[in-house]
């Protein structure tokens, strides 16, 4: 357990260091060449989002592996909101403009842990794909809370407040279903697909 906390803290520190270095580089670039500010800002922001995504995915994979569950495939055009209550519970979510390939209204989350013999419950054969998000103007396949409304997963992950809101909402949904024992907040995660 202590190793998980240490890994999480190290990743947060590493992420903050990367962001601080990127901000310093951007400031120096702006001071030396103000005409290219827009181009530099766009490139630097895209680079920061990519670094953030890589760091979070690596941390997510490490935490899931520590619980003996296989790493689930993150839905492209969406993400996973995952919390730990003696088992891992992951709620697949789609970005705005995407819907689930299969009906998920009665299936808010997938689960992995001792109760499932360390395999993911899933509608897909093969065990690691929890959901797919396909292009759709109409959002009908999932519950209303299974969509990143007016935001993408990456925008939510980059905003700690919104990220915590999604985690807290999922925790509340699980508690309504009687799942509330031994939560470990340090294992909670939001991670995004491509």
C-alpha atoms as a PDB file:
ATOM      1  CA  UNK A   1       0.000   0.000   0.000  1.00  0.00           C
ATOM      2  CA  UNK A   2       2.796   2.401   0.881  1.00  0.00           C
ATOM      3  CA  UNK A   3       4.463   1.728  -2.454  1.00  0.00           C
ATOM      4  CA  UNK A   4       1.270   2.740  -4.280  1.00  0.00           C
ATOM      5  CA  UNK A   5       1.149   6.039  -2.386  1.00  0.00           C
ATOM      6  CA  UNK A   6       4.847   6.661  -3.065  1.00  0.00           C
ATOM      7  CA  UNK A   7       4.411   5.918  -6.781  1.00  0.00           C
ATOM      8  CA  UNK A   8       1.373   8.247  -6.955  1.00  0.00           C
ATOM      9  CA  UNK A   9       3.227  11.073  -5.200  1.00  0.00           C
ATOM     10  CA  UNK A  10       6.273  10.599  -7.450  1.00  0.00           C
ATOM     11  CA  UNK A  11       4.094  10.784 -10.566  1.00  0.00           C
ATOM     12  CA  UNK A  12       2.336  13.930  -9.349  1.00  0.00           C
ATOM     13  CA  UNK A  13       5.722  15.537  -8.614  1.00  0.00           C
ATOM     14  CA  UNK A  14       7.048  14.466 -12.028  1.00  0.00           C
ATOM     15  CA  UNK A  15       3.950  15.888 -13.751  1.00  0.00           C
ATOM     16  CA  UNK A  16       4.244  19.207 -11.861  1.00  0.00           C
ATOM     17  CA  UNK A  17       7.947  19.422 -12.742  1.00  0.00           C
ATOM     18  CA  UNK A  18       7.179  18.831 -16.426  1.00  0.00           C
ATOM     19  CA  UNK A  19       4.474  21.490 -16.413  1.00  0.00           C
ATOM     20  CA  UNK A  20       6.710  24.020 -14.625  1.00  0.00           C
ATOM     21  CA  UNK A  21       9.546  23.390 -17.091  1.00  0.00           C
ATOM     22  CA  UNK A  22       7.164  23.771 -20.030  1.00  0.00           C
ATOM     23  CA  UNK A  23       5.779  27.053 -18.650  1.00  0.00           C
ATOM     24  CA  UNK A  24       9.316  28.402 -18.171  1.00  0.00           C
ATOM     25  CA  UNK A  25      10.265  27.417 -21.736  1.00  0.00           C
ATOM     26  CA  UNK A  26       7.114  29.080 -23.086  1.00  0.00           C
ATOM     27  CA  UNK A  27       7.823  32.304 -21.152  1.00  0.00           C
ATOM     28  CA  UNK A  28      11.408  32.421 -22.504  1.00  0.00           C
ATOM     29  CA  UNK A  29      10.154  31.795 -26.043  1.00  0.00           C
ATOM     30  CA  UNK A  30       7.555  34.577 -25.759  1.00  0.00           C
ATOM     31  CA  UNK A  31      10.156  37.054 -24.481  1.00  0.00           C
ATOM     32  CA  UNK A  32      12.596  36.235 -27.289  1.00  0.00           C
ATOM     33  CA  UNK A  33      10.109  36.097 -30.191  1.00  0.00           C
ATOM     34  CA  UNK A  34       6.671  37.665 -29.483  1.00  0.00           C
ATOM     35  CA  UNK A  35       5.489  37.259 -33.114  1.00  0.00           C
ATOM     36  CA  UNK A  36       5.298  33.480 -32.723  1.00  0.00           C
ATOM     37  CA  UNK A  37       3.364  33.494 -29.439  1.00  0.00           C
ATOM     38  CA  UNK A  38       0.200  31.862 -30.835  1.00  0.00           C
ATOM     39  CA  UNK A  39       2.083  29.131 -32.664  1.00  0.00           C
ATOM     40  CA  UNK A  40       4.289  28.426 -29.649  1.00  0.00           C
ATOM     41  CA  UNK A  41       1.316  28.389 -27.267  1.00  0.00           C
ATOM     42  CA  UNK A  42      -0.624  25.917 -29.399  1.00  0.00           C
ATOM     43  CA  UNK A  43       2.393  23.630 -29.848  1.00  0.00           C
ATOM     44  CA  UNK A  44       3.339  23.835 -26.167  1.00  0.00           C
ATOM     45  CA  UNK A  45      -0.254  23.140 -25.030  1.00  0.00           C
ATOM     46  CA  UNK A  46      -0.519  20.106 -27.313  1.00  0.00           C
ATOM     47  CA  UNK A  47       2.819  18.853 -25.990  1.00  0.00           C
ATOM     48  CA  UNK A  48       1.672  19.335 -22.354  1.00  0.00           C
ATOM     49  CA  UNK A  49      -1.576  17.433 -22.998  1.00  0.00           C
ATOM     50  CA  UNK A  50       0.382  14.576 -24.580  1.00  0.00           C
ATOM     51  CA  UNK A  51       2.824  14.428 -21.629  1.00  0.00           C
ATOM     52  CA  UNK A  52      -0.070  14.578 -19.156  1.00  0.00           C
ATOM     53  CA  UNK A  53      -1.874  11.742 -20.935  1.00  0.00           C
ATOM     54  CA  UNK A  54       1.245   9.557 -21.089  1.00  0.00           C
ATOM     55  CA  UNK A  55       1.997  10.125 -17.386  1.00  0.00           C
ATOM     56  CA  UNK A  56      -1.567   9.359 -16.308  1.00  0.00           C
ATOM     57  CA  UNK A  57      -1.828   6.260 -18.473  1.00  0.00           C
ATOM     58  CA  UNK A  58       1.454   4.908 -17.103  1.00  0.00           C
ATOM     59  CA  UNK A  59       0.347   5.584 -13.517  1.00  0.00           C
ATOM     60  CA  UNK A  60      -3.035   3.994 -14.193  1.00  0.00           C
ATOM     61  CA  UNK A  61      -1.423   0.871 -15.638  1.00  0.00           C
ATOM     62  CA  UNK A  62       0.923   0.562 -12.663  1.00  0.00           C
ATOM     63  CA  UNK A  63      -1.878   0.936 -10.099  1.00  0.00           C
ATOM     64  CA  UNK A  64      -4.160  -1.562 -11.838  1.00  0.00           C
ATOM     65  CA  UNK A  65      -1.311  -4.081 -12.106  1.00  0.00           C
ATOM     66  CA  UNK A  66      -0.660  -3.760  -8.359  1.00  0.00           C
ATOM     67  CA  UNK A  67      -4.204  -4.996  -7.755  1.00  0.00           C
ATOM     68  CA  UNK A  68      -3.689  -8.078 -10.009  1.00  0.00           C
ATOM     69  CA  UNK A  69      -6.240  -6.911 -12.590  1.00  0.00           C
ATOM     70  CA  UNK A  70      -5.308  -6.747 -16.263  1.00  0.00           C
ATOM     71  CA  UNK A  71      -5.044  -3.208 -17.593  1.00  0.00           C
ATOM     72  CA  UNK A  72      -8.333  -2.391 -19.353  1.00  0.00           C
ATOM     73  CA  UNK A  73      -8.322  -0.814 -22.793  1.00  0.00           C
ATOM     74  CA  UNK A  74      -9.336   2.814 -22.522  1.00  0.00           C
ATOM     75  CA  UNK A  75     -12.137   3.733 -24.948  1.00  0.00           C
ATOM     76  CA  UNK A  76     -10.955   5.814 -27.874  1.00  0.00           C
ATOM     77  CA  UNK A  77     -12.899   9.124 -27.876  1.00  0.00           C
ATOM     78  CA  UNK A  78     -13.635   8.739 -24.187  1.00  0.00           C
ATOM     79  CA  UNK A  79     -12.099   7.531 -20.980  1.00  0.00           C
ATOM     80  CA  UNK A  80     -12.461   5.589 -17.763  1.00  0.00           C
ATOM     81  CA  UNK A  81     -13.358   6.861 -14.308  1.00  0.00           C
ATOM     82  CA  UNK A  82     -12.043   4.232 -11.876  1.00  0.00           C
ATOM     83  CA  UNK A  83     -12.352   3.843  -8.114  1.00  0.00           C
ATOM     84  CA  UNK A  84     -11.293   1.132  -5.704  1.00  0.00           C
ATOM     85  CA  UNK A  85     -13.590  -0.487  -3.098  1.00  0.00           C
ATOM     86  CA  UNK A  86     -11.954  -3.894  -2.406  1.00  0.00           C
ATOM     87  CA  UNK A  87     -12.339  -4.364  -6.197  1.00  0.00           C
ATOM     88  CA  UNK A  88     -11.706  -1.986  -9.073  1.00  0.00           C
ATOM     89  CA  UNK A  89     -14.798  -0.326 -10.551  1.00  0.00           C
ATOM     90  CA  UNK A  90     -14.387   1.531 -13.833  1.00  0.00           C
ATOM     91  CA  UNK A  91     -17.099   3.568 -15.489  1.00  0.00           C
ATOM     92  CA  UNK A  92     -16.530   3.932 -19.243  1.00  0.00           C
ATOM     93  CA  UNK A  93     -17.363   7.431 -20.477  1.00  0.00           C
ATOM     94  CA  UNK A  94     -17.628   8.949 -23.950  1.00  0.00           C
ATOM     95  CA  UNK A  95     -16.639  12.434 -25.088  1.00  0.00           C
ATOM     96  CA  UNK A  96     -19.240  14.849 -26.421  1.00  0.00           C
ATOM     97  CA  UNK A  97     -20.336  13.769 -29.919  1.00  0.00           C
ATOM     98  CA  UNK A  98     -19.753  10.068 -29.208  1.00  0.00           C
ATOM     99  CA  UNK A  99     -21.975   7.292 -27.877  1.00  0.00           C
ATOM    100  CA  UNK A 100     -21.436   3.703 -26.801  1.00  0.00           C
ATOM    101  CA  UNK A 101     -21.454   0.979 -29.458  1.00  0.00           C
ATOM    102  CA  UNK A 102     -23.628  -1.224 -27.192  1.00  0.00           C
ATOM    103  CA  UNK A 103     -26.522  -0.319 -24.934  1.00  0.00           C
ATOM    104  CA  UNK A 104     -25.100   0.439 -21.456  1.00  0.00           C
ATOM    105  CA  UNK A 105     -28.049   2.020 -19.628  1.00  0.00           C
ATOM    106  CA  UNK A 106     -28.252  -0.823 -17.116  1.00  0.00           C
ATOM    107  CA  UNK A 107     -24.478  -1.275 -17.046  1.00  0.00           C
ATOM    108  CA  UNK A 108     -22.898   1.777 -15.423  1.00  0.00           C
ATOM    109  CA  UNK A 109     -19.528   0.186 -14.651  1.00  0.00           C
ATOM    110  CA  UNK A 110     -17.267  -2.802 -15.118  1.00  0.00           C
ATOM    111  CA  UNK A 111     -15.540  -4.546 -12.210  1.00  0.00           C
ATOM    112  CA  UNK A 112     -12.318  -6.456 -11.557  1.00  0.00           C
ATOM    113  CA  UNK A 113     -10.976  -8.036  -8.382  1.00  0.00           C
ATOM    114  CA  UNK A 114     -11.410 -10.984  -6.053  1.00  0.00           C
ATOM    115  CA  UNK A 115     -15.162 -11.202  -6.742  1.00  0.00           C
ATOM    116  CA  UNK A 116     -14.486 -11.617 -10.477  1.00  0.00           C
ATOM    117  CA  UNK A 117     -11.355 -13.820 -10.246  1.00  0.00           C
ATOM    118  CA  UNK A 118      -9.264 -10.801 -11.344  1.00  0.00           C
ATOM    119  CA  UNK A 119     -10.910 -10.480 -14.748  1.00  0.00           C
ATOM    120  CA  UNK A 120     -13.012  -7.577 -15.986  1.00  0.00           C
ATOM    121  CA  UNK A 121     -16.756  -7.958 -16.339  1.00  0.00           C
ATOM    122  CA  UNK A 122     -17.411  -6.847 -19.907  1.00  0.00           C
ATOM    123  CA  UNK A 123     -19.754  -7.275 -22.865  1.00  0.00           C
ATOM    124  CA  UNK A 124     -16.775  -7.843 -25.159  1.00  0.00           C
ATOM    125  CA  UNK A 125     -14.979 -11.133 -25.726  1.00  0.00           C
ATOM    126  CA  UNK A 126     -11.358 -11.003 -24.668  1.00  0.00           C
ATOM    127  CA  UNK A 127     -11.731  -9.294 -21.341  1.00  0.00           C
ATOM    128  CA  UNK A 128      -9.832  -6.015 -21.510  1.00  0.00           C
ATOM    129  CA  UNK A 129     -12.105  -3.870 -23.705  1.00  0.00           C
ATOM    130  CA  UNK A 130     -14.770  -2.322 -21.482  1.00  0.00           C
ATOM    131  CA  UNK A 131     -16.538  -0.081 -24.009  1.00  0.00           C
ATOM    132  CA  UNK A 132     -16.275   1.631 -27.386  1.00  0.00           C
ATOM    133  CA  UNK A 133     -17.262   5.209 -28.146  1.00  0.00           C
ATOM    134  CA  UNK A 134     -18.483   5.768 -31.704  1.00  0.00           C
ATOM    135  CA  UNK A 135     -19.485   8.979 -33.491  1.00  0.00           C
ATOM    136  CA  UNK A 136     -23.081   9.902 -32.693  1.00  0.00           C
ATOM    137  CA  UNK A 137     -25.127  13.082 -32.371  1.00  0.00           C
ATOM    138  CA  UNK A 138     -27.670  11.328 -30.155  1.00  0.00           C
ATOM    139  CA  UNK A 139     -26.587  10.020 -26.747  1.00  0.00           C
ATOM    140  CA  UNK A 140     -28.929   7.145 -25.945  1.00  0.00           C
ATOM    141  CA  UNK A 141     -26.840   4.081 -25.104  1.00  0.00           C
ATOM    142  CA  UNK A 142     -25.494   5.104 -21.700  1.00  0.00           C
ATOM    143  CA  UNK A 143     -26.776   6.694 -18.532  1.00  0.00           C
ATOM    144  CA  UNK A 144     -26.595  10.517 -18.525  1.00  0.00           C
ATOM    145  CA  UNK A 145     -23.582  10.474 -16.177  1.00  0.00           C
ATOM    146  CA  UNK A 146     -21.568   8.330 -18.629  1.00  0.00           C
ATOM    147  CA  UNK A 147     -20.689  11.263 -20.914  1.00  0.00           C
ATOM    148  CA  UNK A 148     -18.170  14.073 -20.613  1.00  0.00           C
ATOM    149  CA  UNK A 149     -20.760  16.774 -21.285  1.00  0.00           C
ATOM    150  CA  UNK A 150     -19.388  19.856 -23.074  1.00  0.00           C
ATOM    151  CA  UNK A 151     -15.873  18.641 -22.329  1.00  0.00           C
ATOM    152  CA  UNK A 152     -13.532  15.946 -23.504  1.00  0.00           C
ATOM    153  CA  UNK A 153     -11.864  13.500 -21.163  1.00  0.00           C
ATOM    154  CA  UNK A 154      -8.531  15.276 -21.610  1.00  0.00           C
ATOM    155  CA  UNK A 155     -10.063  18.620 -20.592  1.00  0.00           C
ATOM    156  CA  UNK A 156     -11.529  17.001 -17.476  1.00  0.00           C
ATOM    157  CA  UNK A 157      -8.239  15.334 -16.537  1.00  0.00           C
ATOM    158  CA  UNK A 158      -6.333  18.603 -16.843  1.00  0.00           C
ATOM    159  CA  UNK A 159      -8.752  20.293 -14.396  1.00  0.00           C
ATOM    160  CA  UNK A 160      -8.380  18.784 -10.902  1.00  0.00           C
ATOM    161  CA  UNK A 161     -11.748  20.138  -9.746  1.00  0.00           C
ATOM    162  CA  UNK A 162     -13.683  18.579 -12.641  1.00  0.00           C
ATOM    163  CA  UNK A 163     -11.715  15.352 -12.316  1.00  0.00           C
ATOM    164  CA  UNK A 164     -12.640  15.126  -8.608  1.00  0.00           C
ATOM    165  CA  UNK A 165     -16.305  15.885  -9.483  1.00  0.00           C
ATOM    166  CA  UNK A 166     -16.416  12.906 -11.868  1.00  0.00           C
ATOM    167  CA  UNK A 167     -14.774  10.637  -9.301  1.00  0.00           C
ATOM    168  CA  UNK A 168     -17.147  11.798  -6.538  1.00  0.00           C
ATOM    169  CA  UNK A 169     -20.183  11.339  -8.780  1.00  0.00           C
ATOM    170  CA  UNK A 170     -19.130   7.753  -9.564  1.00  0.00           C
ATOM    171  CA  UNK A 171     -18.454   7.045  -5.875  1.00  0.00           C
ATOM    172  CA  UNK A 172     -21.985   8.279  -5.054  1.00  0.00           C
ATOM    173  CA  UNK A 173     -23.457   6.065  -7.781  1.00  0.00           C
ATOM    174  CA  UNK A 174     -21.629   3.042  -6.372  1.00  0.00           C
ATOM    175  CA  UNK A 175     -22.734   3.810  -2.806  1.00  0.00           C
ATOM    176  CA  UNK A 176     -26.369   3.865  -3.967  1.00  0.00           C
ATOM    177  CA  UNK A 177     -25.742   0.317  -5.238  1.00  0.00           C
ATOM    178  CA  UNK A 178     -24.350  -0.700  -1.830  1.00  0.00           C
ATOM    179  CA  UNK A 179     -20.682  -0.606  -2.839  1.00  0.00           C
ATOM    180  CA  UNK A 180     -18.856   1.371  -0.175  1.00  0.00           C
ATOM    181  CA  UNK A 181     -16.419  -0.823   1.801  1.00  0.00           C
ATOM    182  CA  UNK A 182     -12.699  -0.128   2.053  1.00  0.00           C
ATOM    183  CA  UNK A 183     -12.382   2.663  -0.464  1.00  0.00           C
ATOM    184  CA  UNK A 184      -8.799   3.659  -1.239  1.00  0.00           C
ATOM    185  CA  UNK A 185      -8.882   7.167  -2.732  1.00  0.00           C
ATOM    186  CA  UNK A 186      -5.204   6.984  -3.686  1.00  0.00           C
ATOM    187  CA  UNK A 187      -6.192   4.331  -6.242  1.00  0.00           C
ATOM    188  CA  UNK A 188      -8.966   6.447  -7.823  1.00  0.00           C
ATOM    189  CA  UNK A 189      -8.222   7.487 -11.382  1.00  0.00           C
ATOM    190  CA  UNK A 190      -9.535   9.156 -14.527  1.00  0.00           C
ATOM    191  CA  UNK A 191      -7.690   8.231 -17.700  1.00  0.00           C
ATOM    192  CA  UNK A 192      -8.344   9.057 -21.341  1.00  0.00           C
ATOM    193  CA  UNK A 193      -8.208   7.256 -24.658  1.00  0.00           C
ATOM    194  CA  UNK A 194      -6.891   8.729 -27.884  1.00  0.00           C
END
